Amino acid sequence: MKKLKMVNNIRAQLIDLTPVLQSQGRRRSLSFKLFLALCLNLVIAPTVLAATGGTISRVNAYAIGLLGLVTVGLAIYLMMVMLQPERF
């Protein structure tokens, strides 16, 4: 129960940061995008760990969460390349 409250607190903090990040007019750097991905992984990894029933280790849950983020990111990038090839 304590972990669930901590995860909900992290989610609320990330939601509070969203308008600030969207208001920036400049392009975000790669390091900032990686930082956001790792923060998002803090929300995803406990969900993965809970879904497996604790049969995998915490390190494996974080690795699976990060792998999922990379997979979704590549899928979005490839769809954009297919739909708007003139931009690339």
PDB file of N, CA and C in Angstrom:
ATOM      1  N   MET A   1       0.827  -1.188   0.000  1.00  0.00           N
ATOM      2  CA  MET A   1       0.000   0.000   0.000  1.00  0.00           C
ATOM      3  C   MET A   1       0.871   1.252   0.000  1.00  0.00           C
ATOM      4  N   LYS A   2       1.987   1.178   0.712  1.00  0.00           N
ATOM      5  CA  LYS A   2       2.895   2.311   0.780  1.00  0.00           C
ATOM      6  C   LYS A   2       3.520   2.596  -0.583  1.00  0.00           C
ATOM      7  N   LYS A   3       3.854   1.515  -1.319  1.00  0.00           N
ATOM      8  CA  LYS A   3       4.436   1.679  -2.654  1.00  0.00           C
ATOM      9  C   LYS A   3       3.428   2.292  -3.613  1.00  0.00           C
ATOM     10  N   LEU A   4       2.159   1.902  -3.467  1.00  0.00           N
ATOM     11  CA  LEU A   4       1.123   2.446  -4.344  1.00  0.00           C
ATOM     12  C   LEU A   4       0.969   3.946  -4.123  1.00  0.00           C
ATOM     13  N   LYS A   5       1.033   4.394  -2.876  1.00  0.00           N
ATOM     14  CA  LYS A   5       0.953   5.823  -2.590  1.00  0.00           C
ATOM     15  C   LYS A   5       2.153   6.555  -3.179  1.00  0.00           C
ATOM     16  N   MET A   6       3.341   5.928  -3.107  1.00  0.00           N
ATOM     17  CA  MET A   6       4.539   6.546  -3.649  1.00  0.00           C
ATOM     18  C   MET A   6       4.431   6.672  -5.172  1.00  0.00           C
ATOM     19  N   VAL A   7       3.925   5.628  -5.839  1.00  0.00           N
ATOM     20  CA  VAL A   7       3.764   5.659  -7.295  1.00  0.00           C
ATOM     21  C   VAL A   7       2.749   6.729  -7.690  1.00  0.00           C
ATOM     22  N   ASN A   8       1.649   6.822  -6.957  1.00  0.00           N
ATOM     23  CA  ASN A   8       0.643   7.849  -7.251  1.00  0.00           C
ATOM     24  C   ASN A   8       1.213   9.248  -7.036  1.00  0.00           C
ATOM     25  N   ASN A   9       2.068   9.408  -6.034  1.00  0.00           N
ATOM     26  CA  ASN A   9       2.701  10.699  -5.779  1.00  0.00           C
ATOM     27  C   ASN A   9       3.626  11.082  -6.937  1.00  0.00           C
ATOM     28  N   ILE A  10       4.395  10.121  -7.436  1.00  0.00           N
ATOM     29  CA  ILE A  10       5.288  10.373  -8.570  1.00  0.00           C
ATOM     30  C   ILE A  10       4.474  10.735  -9.804  1.00  0.00           C
ATOM     31  N   ARG A  11       3.376  10.012 -10.040  1.00  0.00           N
ATOM     32  CA  ARG A  11       2.518  10.317 -11.190  1.00  0.00           C
ATOM     33  C   ARG A  11       1.967  11.735 -11.092  1.00  0.00           C
ATOM     34  N   ALA A  12       1.527  12.127  -9.891  1.00  0.00           N
ATOM     35  CA  ALA A  12       0.982  13.474  -9.706  1.00  0.00           C
ATOM     36  C   ALA A  12       2.045  14.538  -9.968  1.00  0.00           C
ATOM     37  N   GLN A  13       3.283  14.282  -9.533  1.00  0.00           N
ATOM     38  CA  GLN A  13       4.355  15.236  -9.771  1.00  0.00           C
ATOM     39  C   GLN A  13       4.675  15.350 -11.255  1.00  0.00           C
ATOM     40  N   LEU A  14       4.654  14.231 -11.979  1.00  0.00           N
ATOM     41  CA  LEU A  14       4.912  14.278 -13.416  1.00  0.00           C
ATOM     42  C   LEU A  14       3.793  15.015 -14.147  1.00  0.00           C
ATOM     43  N   ILE A  15       2.557  14.845 -13.697  1.00  0.00           N
ATOM     44  CA  ILE A  15       1.442  15.542 -14.319  1.00  0.00           C
ATOM     45  C   ILE A  15       1.559  17.040 -14.060  1.00  0.00           C
ATOM     46  N   ASP A  16       2.023  17.424 -12.865  1.00  0.00           N
ATOM     47  CA  ASP A  16       2.208  18.839 -12.552  1.00  0.00           C
ATOM     48  C   ASP A  16       3.299  19.470 -13.414  1.00  0.00           C
ATOM     49  N   LEU A  17       4.297  18.694 -13.831  1.00  0.00           N
ATOM     50  CA  LEU A  17       5.392  19.219 -14.648  1.00  0.00           C
ATOM     51  C   LEU A  17       5.021  19.382 -16.118  1.00  0.00           C
ATOM     52  N   THR A  18       3.975  18.720 -16.563  1.00  0.00           N
ATOM     53  CA  THR A  18       3.633  18.696 -17.979  1.00  0.00           C
ATOM     54  C   THR A  18       3.394  20.092 -18.566  1.00  0.00           C
ATOM     55  N   PRO A  19       2.588  20.974 -17.947  1.00  0.00           N
ATOM     56  CA  PRO A  19       2.392  22.304 -18.568  1.00  0.00           C
ATOM     57  C   PRO A  19       3.680  23.116 -18.651  1.00  0.00           C
ATOM     58  N   VAL A  20       4.544  22.975 -17.666  1.00  0.00           N
ATOM     59  CA  VAL A  20       5.810  23.716 -17.678  1.00  0.00           C
ATOM     60  C   VAL A  20       6.665  23.257 -18.843  1.00  0.00           C
ATOM     61  N   LEU A  21       6.719  21.952 -19.065  1.00  0.00           N
ATOM     62  CA  LEU A  21       7.544  21.413 -20.146  1.00  0.00           C
ATOM     63  C   LEU A  21       6.971  21.763 -21.512  1.00  0.00           C
ATOM     64  N   GLN A  22       5.650  21.812 -21.627  1.00  0.00           N
ATOM     65  CA  GLN A  22       5.036  22.126 -22.910  1.00  0.00           C
ATOM     66  C   GLN A  22       5.142  23.598 -23.248  1.00  0.00           C
ATOM     67  N   SER A  23       5.294  24.460 -22.249  1.00  0.00           N
ATOM     68  CA  SER A  23       5.358  25.891 -22.514  1.00  0.00           C
ATOM     69  C   SER A  23       6.706  26.330 -23.067  1.00  0.00           C
ATOM     70  N   GLN A  24       7.704  25.474 -22.971  1.00  0.00           N
ATOM     71  CA  GLN A  24       9.009  25.836 -23.503  1.00  0.00           C
ATOM     72  C   GLN A  24       8.954  25.797 -25.022  1.00  0.00           C
ATOM     73  N   GLY A  25       9.353  26.904 -25.657  1.00  0.00           N
ATOM     74  CA  GLY A  25       9.276  26.985 -27.103  1.00  0.00           C
ATOM     75  C   GLY A  25      10.474  26.373 -27.807  1.00  0.00           C
ATOM     76  N   ARG A  26      11.573  26.185 -27.127  1.00  0.00           N
ATOM     77  CA  ARG A  26      12.781  25.685 -27.787  1.00  0.00           C
ATOM     78  C   ARG A  26      12.760  24.154 -27.868  1.00  0.00           C
ATOM     79  N   ARG A  27      13.629  23.643 -28.685  1.00  0.00           N
ATOM     80  CA  ARG A  27      13.729  22.191 -28.855  1.00  0.00           C
ATOM     81  C   ARG A  27      14.395  21.580 -27.637  1.00  0.00           C
ATOM     82  N   ARG A  28      13.896  20.449 -27.249  1.00  0.00           N
ATOM     83  CA  ARG A  28      14.468  19.768 -26.082  1.00  0.00           C
ATOM     84  C   ARG A  28      15.701  18.976 -26.496  1.00  0.00           C
ATOM     85  N   SER A  29      16.668  18.960 -25.633  1.00  0.00           N
ATOM     86  CA  SER A  29      17.896  18.234 -25.933  1.00  0.00           C
ATOM     87  C   SER A  29      17.704  16.739 -25.688  1.00  0.00           C
ATOM     88  N   LEU A  30      18.621  15.967 -26.209  1.00  0.00           N
ATOM     89  CA  LEU A  30      18.546  14.521 -26.061  1.00  0.00           C
ATOM     90  C   LEU A  30      18.646  14.104 -24.602  1.00  0.00           C
ATOM     91  N   SER A  31      19.491  14.778 -23.845  1.00  0.00           N
ATOM     92  CA  SER A  31      19.631  14.404 -22.432  1.00  0.00           C
ATOM     93  C   SER A  31      18.339  14.662 -21.663  1.00  0.00           C
ATOM     94  N   PHE A  32      17.627  15.717 -22.011  1.00  0.00           N
ATOM     95  CA  PHE A  32      16.359  16.004 -21.345  1.00  0.00           C
ATOM     96  C   PHE A  32      15.309  14.948 -21.687  1.00  0.00           C
ATOM     97  N   LYS A  33      15.298  14.509 -22.946  1.00  0.00           N
ATOM     98  CA  LYS A  33      14.363  13.460 -23.354  1.00  0.00           C
ATOM     99  C   LYS A  33      14.680  12.148 -22.650  1.00  0.00           C
ATOM    100  N   LEU A  34      15.958  11.838 -22.505  1.00  0.00           N
ATOM    101  CA  LEU A  34      16.334  10.625 -21.777  1.00  0.00           C
ATOM    102  C   LEU A  34      15.931  10.713 -20.309  1.00  0.00           C
ATOM    103  N   PHE A  35      16.089  11.897 -19.724  1.00  0.00           N
ATOM    104  CA  PHE A  35      15.678  12.096 -18.341  1.00  0.00           C
ATOM    105  C   PHE A  35      14.173  11.863 -18.180  1.00  0.00           C
ATOM    106  N   LEU A  36      13.384  12.390 -19.111  1.00  0.00           N
ATOM    107  CA  LEU A  36      11.939  12.174 -19.049  1.00  0.00           C
ATOM    108  C   LEU A  36      11.580  10.702 -19.221  1.00  0.00           C
ATOM    109  N   ALA A  37      12.297   9.998 -20.088  1.00  0.00           N
ATOM    110  CA  ALA A  37      12.046   8.570 -20.281  1.00  0.00           C
ATOM    111  C   ALA A  37      12.347   7.791 -19.003  1.00  0.00           C
ATOM    112  N   LEU A  38      13.433   8.139 -18.330  1.00  0.00           N
ATOM    113  CA  LEU A  38      13.759   7.457 -17.077  1.00  0.00           C
ATOM    114  C   LEU A  38      12.744   7.772 -15.986  1.00  0.00           C
ATOM    115  N   CYS A  39      12.245   8.995 -15.964  1.00  0.00           N
ATOM    116  CA  CYS A  39      11.200   9.346 -14.987  1.00  0.00           C
ATOM    117  C   CYS A  39       9.919   8.568 -15.275  1.00  0.00           C
ATOM    118  N   LEU A  40       9.579   8.437 -16.549  1.00  0.00           N
ATOM    119  CA  LEU A  40       8.406   7.662 -16.916  1.00  0.00           C
ATOM    120  C   LEU A  40       8.591   6.196 -16.558  1.00  0.00           C
ATOM    121  N   ASN A  41       9.816   5.724 -16.645  1.00  0.00           N
ATOM    122  CA  ASN A  41      10.110   4.340 -16.281  1.00  0.00           C
ATOM    123  C   ASN A  41       9.891   4.111 -14.786  1.00  0.00           C
ATOM    124  N   LEU A  42      10.041   5.151 -13.972  1.00  0.00           N
ATOM    125  CA  LEU A  42       9.763   5.022 -12.544  1.00  0.00           C
ATOM    126  C   LEU A  42       8.297   4.723 -12.281  1.00  0.00           C
ATOM    127  N   VAL A  43       7.442   5.106 -13.201  1.00  0.00           N
ATOM    128  CA  VAL A  43       6.013   4.818 -13.074  1.00  0.00           C
ATOM    129  C   VAL A  43       5.693   3.452 -13.677  1.00  0.00           C
ATOM    130  N   ILE A  44       6.358   3.114 -14.769  1.00  0.00           N
ATOM    131  CA  ILE A  44       6.053   1.874 -15.482  1.00  0.00           C
ATOM    132  C   ILE A  44       6.607   0.641 -14.769  1.00  0.00           C
ATOM    133  N   ALA A  45       7.820   0.721 -14.244  1.00  0.00           N
ATOM    134  CA  ALA A  45       8.477  -0.453 -13.663  1.00  0.00           C
ATOM    135  C   ALA A  45       7.707  -1.061 -12.481  1.00  0.00           C
ATOM    136  N   PRO A  46       7.193  -0.282 -11.540  1.00  0.00           N
ATOM    137  CA  PRO A  46       6.402  -0.916 -10.472  1.00  0.00           C
ATOM    138  C   PRO A  46       5.133  -1.587 -10.991  1.00  0.00           C
ATOM    139  N   THR A  47       4.571  -1.039 -12.064  1.00  0.00           N
ATOM    140  CA  THR A  47       3.387  -1.657 -12.666  1.00  0.00           C
ATOM    141  C   THR A  47       3.744  -3.015 -13.267  1.00  0.00           C
ATOM    142  N   VAL A  48       4.886  -3.072 -13.939  1.00  0.00           N
ATOM    143  CA  VAL A  48       5.357  -4.342 -14.511  1.00  0.00           C
ATOM    144  C   VAL A  48       5.633  -5.345 -13.400  1.00  0.00           C
ATOM    145  N   LEU A  49       6.272  -4.890 -12.339  1.00  0.00           N
ATOM    146  CA  LEU A  49       6.585  -5.769 -11.210  1.00  0.00           C
ATOM    147  C   LEU A  49       5.311  -6.291 -10.560  1.00  0.00           C
ATOM    148  N   ALA A  50       4.300  -5.441 -10.418  1.00  0.00           N
ATOM    149  CA  ALA A  50       3.033  -5.870  -9.821  1.00  0.00           C
ATOM    150  C   ALA A  50       2.291  -6.838 -10.743  1.00  0.00           C
ATOM    151  N   ALA A  51       2.395  -6.619 -12.050  1.00  0.00           N
ATOM    152  CA  ALA A  51       1.689  -7.482 -12.999  1.00  0.00           C
ATOM    153  C   ALA A  51       2.271  -8.891 -13.028  1.00  0.00           C
ATOM    154  N   THR A  52       3.554  -9.022 -12.731  1.00  0.00           N
ATOM    155  CA  THR A  52       4.169 -10.346 -12.747  1.00  0.00           C
ATOM    156  C   THR A  52       4.003 -11.070 -11.417  1.00  0.00           C
ATOM    157  N   GLY A  53       3.480 -10.379 -10.440  1.00  0.00           N
ATOM    158  CA  GLY A  53       3.273 -11.037  -9.146  1.00  0.00           C
ATOM    159  C   GLY A  53       4.547 -11.194  -8.345  1.00  0.00           C
ATOM    160  N   GLY A  54       5.574 -10.441  -8.674  1.00  0.00           N
ATOM    161  CA  GLY A  54       6.827 -10.511  -7.932  1.00  0.00           C
ATOM    162  C   GLY A  54       7.711 -11.687  -8.321  1.00  0.00           C
ATOM    163  N   THR A  55       7.417 -12.333  -9.453  1.00  0.00           N
ATOM    164  CA  THR A  55       8.227 -13.475  -9.866  1.00  0.00           C
ATOM    165  C   THR A  55       9.533 -13.062 -10.532  1.00  0.00           C
ATOM    166  N   ILE A  56       9.637 -11.803 -10.945  1.00  0.00           N
ATOM    167  CA  ILE A  56      10.888 -11.312 -11.518  1.00  0.00           C
ATOM    168  C   ILE A  56      11.506 -10.302 -10.561  1.00  0.00           C
ATOM    169  N   SER A  57      12.780 -10.049 -10.729  1.00  0.00           N
ATOM    170  CA  SER A  57      13.461  -9.113  -9.837  1.00  0.00           C
ATOM    171  C   SER A  57      13.135  -7.672 -10.229  1.00  0.00           C
ATOM    172  N   ARG A  58      13.450  -6.756  -9.344  1.00  0.00           N
ATOM    173  CA  ARG A  58      13.188  -5.338  -9.589  1.00  0.00           C
ATOM    174  C   ARG A  58      14.011  -4.827 -10.771  1.00  0.00           C
ATOM    175  N   VAL A  59      15.246  -5.290 -10.886  1.00  0.00           N
ATOM    176  CA  VAL A  59      16.109  -4.871 -12.002  1.00  0.00           C
ATOM    177  C   VAL A  59      15.501  -5.305 -13.329  1.00  0.00           C
ATOM    178  N   ASN A  60      14.978  -6.514 -13.374  1.00  0.00           N
ATOM    179  CA  ASN A  60      14.347  -6.995 -14.604  1.00  0.00           C
ATOM    180  C   ASN A  60      13.093  -6.185 -14.932  1.00  0.00           C
ATOM    181  N   ALA A  61      12.337  -5.786 -13.913  1.00  0.00           N
ATOM    182  CA  ALA A  61      11.140  -4.976 -14.154  1.00  0.00           C
ATOM    183  C   ALA A  61      11.516  -3.631 -14.763  1.00  0.00           C
ATOM    184  N   TYR A  62      12.591  -3.002 -14.258  1.00  0.00           N
ATOM    185  CA  TYR A  62      13.032  -1.729 -14.824  1.00  0.00           C
ATOM    186  C   TYR A  62      13.542  -1.921 -16.251  1.00  0.00           C
ATOM    187  N   ALA A  63      14.225  -3.024 -16.509  1.00  0.00           N
ATOM    188  CA  ALA A  63      14.721  -3.295 -17.860  1.00  0.00           C
ATOM    189  C   ALA A  63      13.568  -3.513 -18.834  1.00  0.00           C
ATOM    190  N   ILE A  64      12.546  -4.234 -18.403  1.00  0.00           N
ATOM    191  CA  ILE A  64      11.381  -4.469 -19.266  1.00  0.00           C
ATOM    192  C   ILE A  64      10.643  -3.156 -19.528  1.00  0.00           C
ATOM    193  N   GLY A  65      10.515  -2.323 -18.500  1.00  0.00           N
ATOM    194  CA  GLY A  65       9.869  -1.023 -18.682  1.00  0.00           C
ATOM    195  C   GLY A  65      10.620  -0.146 -19.659  1.00  0.00           C
ATOM    196  N   LEU A  66      11.947  -0.110 -19.533  1.00  0.00           N
ATOM    197  CA  LEU A  66      12.764   0.685 -20.448  1.00  0.00           C
ATOM    198  C   LEU A  66      12.699   0.130 -21.866  1.00  0.00           C
ATOM    199  N   LEU A  67      12.700  -1.178 -21.998  1.00  0.00           N
ATOM    200  CA  LEU A  67      12.576  -1.807 -23.316  1.00  0.00           C
ATOM    201  C   LEU A  67      11.233  -1.459 -23.949  1.00  0.00           C
ATOM    202  N   GLY A  68      10.184  -1.442 -23.153  1.00  0.00           N
ATOM    203  CA  GLY A  68       8.868  -1.059 -23.664  1.00  0.00           C
ATOM    204  C   GLY A  68       8.842   0.381 -24.145  1.00  0.00           C
ATOM    205  N   LEU A  69       9.490   1.285 -23.376  1.00  0.00           N
ATOM    206  CA  LEU A  69       9.546   2.690 -23.789  1.00  0.00           C
ATOM    207  C   LEU A  69      10.303   2.853 -25.105  1.00  0.00           C
ATOM    208  N   VAL A  70      11.411   2.153 -25.246  1.00  0.00           N
ATOM    209  CA  VAL A  70      12.197   2.232 -26.483  1.00  0.00           C
ATOM    210  C   VAL A  70      11.394   1.684 -27.660  1.00  0.00           C
ATOM    211  N   THR A  71      10.684   0.592 -27.445  1.00  0.00           N
ATOM    212  CA  THR A  71       9.878  -0.016 -28.510  1.00  0.00           C
ATOM    213  C   THR A  71       8.774   0.927 -28.966  1.00  0.00           C
ATOM    214  N   VAL A  72       8.078   1.541 -28.017  1.00  0.00           N
ATOM    215  CA  VAL A  72       7.009   2.488 -28.375  1.00  0.00           C
ATOM    216  C   VAL A  72       7.595   3.702 -29.089  1.00  0.00           C
ATOM    217  N   GLY A  73       8.728   4.194 -28.610  1.00  0.00           N
ATOM    218  CA  GLY A  73       9.369   5.333 -29.258  1.00  0.00           C
ATOM    219  C   GLY A  73       9.775   5.037 -30.694  1.00  0.00           C
ATOM    220  N   LEU A  74      10.350   3.864 -30.920  1.00  0.00           N
ATOM    221  CA  LEU A  74      10.726   3.488 -32.289  1.00  0.00           C
ATOM    222  C   LEU A  74       9.505   3.313 -33.179  1.00  0.00           C
ATOM    223  N   ALA A  75       8.434   2.763 -32.643  1.00  0.00           N
ATOM    224  CA  ALA A  75       7.208   2.580 -33.433  1.00  0.00           C
ATOM    225  C   ALA A  75       6.641   3.933 -33.852  1.00  0.00           C
ATOM    226  N   ILE A  76       6.640   4.896 -32.926  1.00  0.00           N
ATOM    227  CA  ILE A  76       6.138   6.234 -33.261  1.00  0.00           C
ATOM    228  C   ILE A  76       7.034   6.886 -34.307  1.00  0.00           C
ATOM    229  N   TYR A  77       8.337   6.772 -34.146  1.00  0.00           N
ATOM    230  CA  TYR A  77       9.272   7.363 -35.108  1.00  0.00           C
ATOM    231  C   TYR A  77       9.082   6.749 -36.503  1.00  0.00           C
ATOM    232  N   LEU A  78       8.973   5.440 -36.584  1.00  0.00           N
ATOM    233  CA  LEU A  78       8.818   4.791 -37.884  1.00  0.00           C
ATOM    234  C   LEU A  78       7.481   5.142 -38.534  1.00  0.00           C
ATOM    235  N   MET A  79       6.427   5.290 -37.736  1.00  0.00           N
ATOM    236  CA  MET A  79       5.151   5.708 -38.311  1.00  0.00           C
ATOM    237  C   MET A  79       5.251   7.127 -38.876  1.00  0.00           C
ATOM    238  N   MET A  80       5.962   7.993 -38.173  1.00  0.00           N
ATOM    239  CA  MET A  80       6.140   9.353 -38.684  1.00  0.00           C
ATOM    240  C   MET A  80       6.949   9.356 -39.974  1.00  0.00           C
ATOM    241  N   VAL A  81       7.964   8.506 -40.049  1.00  0.00           N
ATOM    242  CA  VAL A  81       8.781   8.429 -41.267  1.00  0.00           C
ATOM    243  C   VAL A  81       7.945   7.919 -42.433  1.00  0.00           C
ATOM    244  N   MET A  82       7.055   6.964 -42.176  1.00  0.00           N
ATOM    245  CA  MET A  82       6.214   6.434 -43.244  1.00  0.00           C
ATOM    246  C   MET A  82       5.157   7.437 -43.695  1.00  0.00           C
ATOM    247  N   LEU A  83       4.592   8.189 -42.724  1.00  0.00           N
ATOM    248  CA  LEU A  83       3.511   9.105 -43.068  1.00  0.00           C
ATOM    249  C   LEU A  83       4.002  10.451 -43.588  1.00  0.00           C
ATOM    250  N   GLN A  84       5.193  10.871 -43.159  1.00  0.00           N
ATOM    251  CA  GLN A  84       5.736  12.170 -43.596  1.00  0.00           C
ATOM    252  C   GLN A  84       7.194  12.010 -44.019  1.00  0.00           C
ATOM    253  N   PRO A  85       7.457  11.312 -45.127  1.00  0.00           N
ATOM    254  CA  PRO A  85       8.847  11.064 -45.521  1.00  0.00           C
ATOM    255  C   PRO A  85       9.607  12.315 -45.933  1.00  0.00           C
ATOM    256  N   GLU A  86       8.911  13.371 -46.339  1.00  0.00           N
ATOM    257  CA  GLU A  86       9.604  14.574 -46.786  1.00  0.00           C
ATOM    258  C   GLU A  86      10.288  15.309 -45.627  1.00  0.00           C
ATOM    259  N   ARG A  87       9.860  15.090 -44.403  1.00  0.00           N
ATOM    260  CA  ARG A  87      10.476  15.717 -43.248  1.00  0.00           C
ATOM    261  C   ARG A  87      11.819  15.073 -42.922  1.00  0.00           C
ATOM    262  N   PHE A  88      12.014  13.837 -43.344  1.00  0.00           N
ATOM    263  CA  PHE A  88      13.232  13.117 -43.007  1.00  0.00           C
ATOM    264  C   PHE A  88      14.061  12.947 -44.251  1.00  0.00           C
TER     265      PHE A  88
END
